[in-house]
Every structure is written in structure tokens, then in C-alpha cells.
C-alpha atoms as a PDB file:
ATOM      1  CA  MET A   1     -52.000  28.359  16.468  1.00  0.00           C
ATOM      2  CA  ASN A   2     -49.293  25.778  17.110  1.00  0.00           C
ATOM      3  CA  THR A   3     -46.538  25.742  14.474  1.00  0.00           C
ATOM      4  CA  LYS A   4     -43.882  23.085  14.102  1.00  0.00           C
ATOM      5  CA  GLU A   5     -40.224  23.827  13.531  1.00  0.00           C
ATOM      6  CA  SER A   6     -38.825  22.519  10.256  1.00  0.00           C
ATOM      7  CA  ILE A   7     -35.733  20.397  10.918  1.00  0.00           C
ATOM      8  CA  ALA A   8     -33.274  18.313   8.884  1.00  0.00           C
ATOM      9  CA  ASN A   9     -33.291  14.521   9.334  1.00  0.00           C
ATOM     10  CA  ASP A  10     -29.776  14.342  10.779  1.00  0.00           C
ATOM     11  CA  GLU A  11     -30.446  17.129  13.270  1.00  0.00           C
ATOM     12  CA  LEU A  12     -33.671  15.467  14.417  1.00  0.00           C
ATOM     13  CA  LEU A  13     -31.889  12.129  14.806  1.00  0.00           C
ATOM     14  CA  MET A  14     -29.297  13.810  17.036  1.00  0.00           C
ATOM     15  CA  ILE A  15     -32.080  15.131  19.282  1.00  0.00           C
ATOM     16  CA  ALA A  16     -33.903  11.787  19.262  1.00  0.00           C
ATOM     17  CA  ASN A  17     -30.795   9.811  20.150  1.00  0.00           C
ATOM     18  CA  GLN A  18     -30.008  12.166  23.018  1.00  0.00           C
ATOM     19  CA  LEU A  19     -33.549  11.620  24.349  1.00  0.00           C
ATOM     20  CA  ILE A  20     -33.012   7.871  24.056  1.00  0.00           C
ATOM     21  CA  GLN A  21     -29.723   7.973  25.962  1.00  0.00           C
ATOM     22  CA  ASP A  22     -31.211  10.163  28.687  1.00  0.00           C
ATOM     23  CA  HIS A  23     -34.293   7.950  29.132  1.00  0.00           C
ATOM     24  CA  GLU A  24     -34.482   5.564  32.100  1.00  0.00           C
ATOM     25  CA  ALA A  25     -35.446   2.677  29.774  1.00  0.00           C
ATOM     26  CA  TYR A  26     -32.292   3.088  27.663  1.00  0.00           C
ATOM     27  CA  ILE A  27     -30.605  -0.172  26.606  1.00  0.00           C
ATOM     28  CA  ASP A  28     -26.988  -0.153  25.445  1.00  0.00           C
ATOM     29  CA  GLY A  29     -26.942   0.045  21.644  1.00  0.00           C
ATOM     30  CA  MET A  30     -30.460   1.481  21.347  1.00  0.00           C
ATOM     31  CA  ARG A  31     -30.592   4.282  18.785  1.00  0.00           C
ATOM     32  CA  ALA A  32     -32.699   5.708  15.982  1.00  0.00           C
ATOM     33  CA  ASN A  33     -31.020   5.328  12.584  1.00  0.00           C
ATOM     34  CA  SER A  34     -33.671   6.930  10.398  1.00  0.00           C
ATOM     35  CA  VAL A  35     -36.822   9.005  10.577  1.00  0.00           C
ATOM     36  CA  GLU A  36     -39.675   9.689   8.179  1.00  0.00           C
ATOM     37  CA  GLU A  37     -42.884  11.627   8.472  1.00  0.00           C
ATOM     38  CA  ARG A  38     -46.361  10.346   7.633  1.00  0.00           C
ATOM     39  CA  GLY A  39     -49.461  12.432   8.201  1.00  0.00           C
ATOM     40  CA  GLY A  40     -47.620  14.758  10.545  1.00  0.00           C
ATOM     41  CA  VAL A  41     -46.277  11.897  12.696  1.00  0.00           C
ATOM     42  CA  LEU A  42     -42.536  11.244  12.918  1.00  0.00           C
ATOM     43  CA  ILE A  43     -41.674   7.554  12.587  1.00  0.00           C
ATOM     44  CA  PHE A  44     -38.320   6.473  13.963  1.00  0.00           C
ATOM     45  CA  LYS A  45     -36.516   3.296  12.929  1.00  0.00           C
ATOM     46  CA  GLY A  46     -33.458   1.426  14.100  1.00  0.00           C
ATOM     47  CA  GLU A  47     -32.183  -1.903  15.401  1.00  0.00           C
ATOM     48  CA  TYR A  48     -34.949  -3.949  17.045  1.00  0.00           C
ATOM     49  CA  PHE A  49     -32.704  -6.527  18.788  1.00  0.00           C
ATOM     50  CA  LEU A  50     -34.229  -9.564  17.061  1.00  0.00           C
ATOM     51  CA  ASP A  51     -32.843 -13.027  17.791  1.00  0.00           C
ATOM     52  CA  ASP A  52     -30.875 -15.164  15.296  1.00  0.00           C
ATOM     53  CA  ASN A  53     -34.154 -16.402  13.779  1.00  0.00           C
ATOM     54  CA  GLY A  54     -35.478 -12.872  13.287  1.00  0.00           C
ATOM     55  CA  LEU A  55     -37.937 -13.190  16.159  1.00  0.00           C
ATOM     56  CA  PRO A  56     -38.593 -10.514  18.776  1.00  0.00           C
ATOM     57  CA  THR A  57     -36.804 -10.553  22.115  1.00  0.00           C
ATOM     58  CA  GLU A  58     -37.715  -8.760  25.329  1.00  0.00           C
ATOM     59  CA  LYS A  59     -35.484  -5.903  24.147  1.00  0.00           C
ATOM     60  CA  THR A  60     -37.626  -5.580  20.989  1.00  0.00           C
ATOM     61  CA  THR A  61     -40.579  -4.322  23.033  1.00  0.00           C
ATOM     62  CA  ALA A  62     -38.363  -1.790  24.809  1.00  0.00           C
ATOM     63  CA  VAL A  63     -37.107  -0.427  21.476  1.00  0.00           C
ATOM     64  CA  PHE A  64     -40.623  -0.263  20.011  1.00  0.00           C
ATOM     65  CA  ASN A  65     -41.824   1.632  23.078  1.00  0.00           C
ATOM     66  CA  MET A  66     -38.875   4.033  22.860  1.00  0.00           C
ATOM     67  CA  PHE A  67     -39.610   4.838  19.211  1.00  0.00           C
ATOM     68  CA  LYS A  68     -43.262   5.381  20.144  1.00  0.00           C
ATOM     69  CA  TYR A  69     -42.120   7.715  22.942  1.00  0.00           C
ATOM     70  CA  LEU A  70     -40.021   9.692  20.439  1.00  0.00           C
ATOM     71  CA  ALA A  71     -42.995  10.038  18.097  1.00  0.00           C
ATOM     72  CA  HIS A  72     -45.164  11.383  20.919  1.00  0.00           C
ATOM     73  CA  GLN A  73     -42.498  13.774  22.171  1.00  0.00           C
ATOM     74  CA  LEU A  74     -41.155  15.113  18.882  1.00  0.00           C
ATOM     75  CA  SER A  75     -44.060  15.011  16.377  1.00  0.00           C
ATOM     76  CA  PRO A  76     -45.874  17.978  17.964  1.00  0.00           C
ATOM     77  CA  LYS A  77     -42.665  20.064  17.849  1.00  0.00           C
ATOM     78  CA  PHE A  78     -40.994  19.246  14.520  1.00  0.00           C
ATOM     79  CA  THR A  79     -41.644  18.611  10.854  1.00  0.00           C
ATOM     80  CA  LEU A  80     -38.995  17.270   8.480  1.00  0.00           C
ATOM     81  CA  GLY A  81     -37.439  19.894   6.250  1.00  0.00           C
ATOM     82  CA  LYS A  82     -37.013  19.361   2.558  1.00  0.00           C
END
């Protein structure tokens, strides 16, 4: 049986942001500012690099993909502690 480690939000964000910085697709300023859990999946949020009109830029896709990467990497290992 695979059990997940319970972890505090701030500790998980530290791990997530280190993964972001170490990733080859890292963009300066990219970071996760919050995390929540829904149905066992960790959902990371942060700045999406929208333009002045609130529309996506090419950086927006990179950030979305990074947050998706974090969910795939960290959801099987961790659950948010109370």
C-alpha cells in the first residue's frame, strides 16, 4: 500500500519552489504562492504572467505547465496536513 506523507502548506511550497528553480523550464520570477488539495491532487497557484489587459502571454503556458508538473510529481508523495 502506498501512503502519502502529511506535510504543512509552507513546507510543501518550499519543496515545490525548489523544484521550480531546478527545472530547465524555469523562468525568472516563477514560483508557487499557494497550494490546496482536491480529491488527493495538489493544486499549485501563483503569478501567471498575464499582460496589462489580463490576457495570457507565452510565459503563461510555461507557468501552467510547471504547476501541472508539480501536481504530478508531488501529489503521489504528499497530502496537506491539518
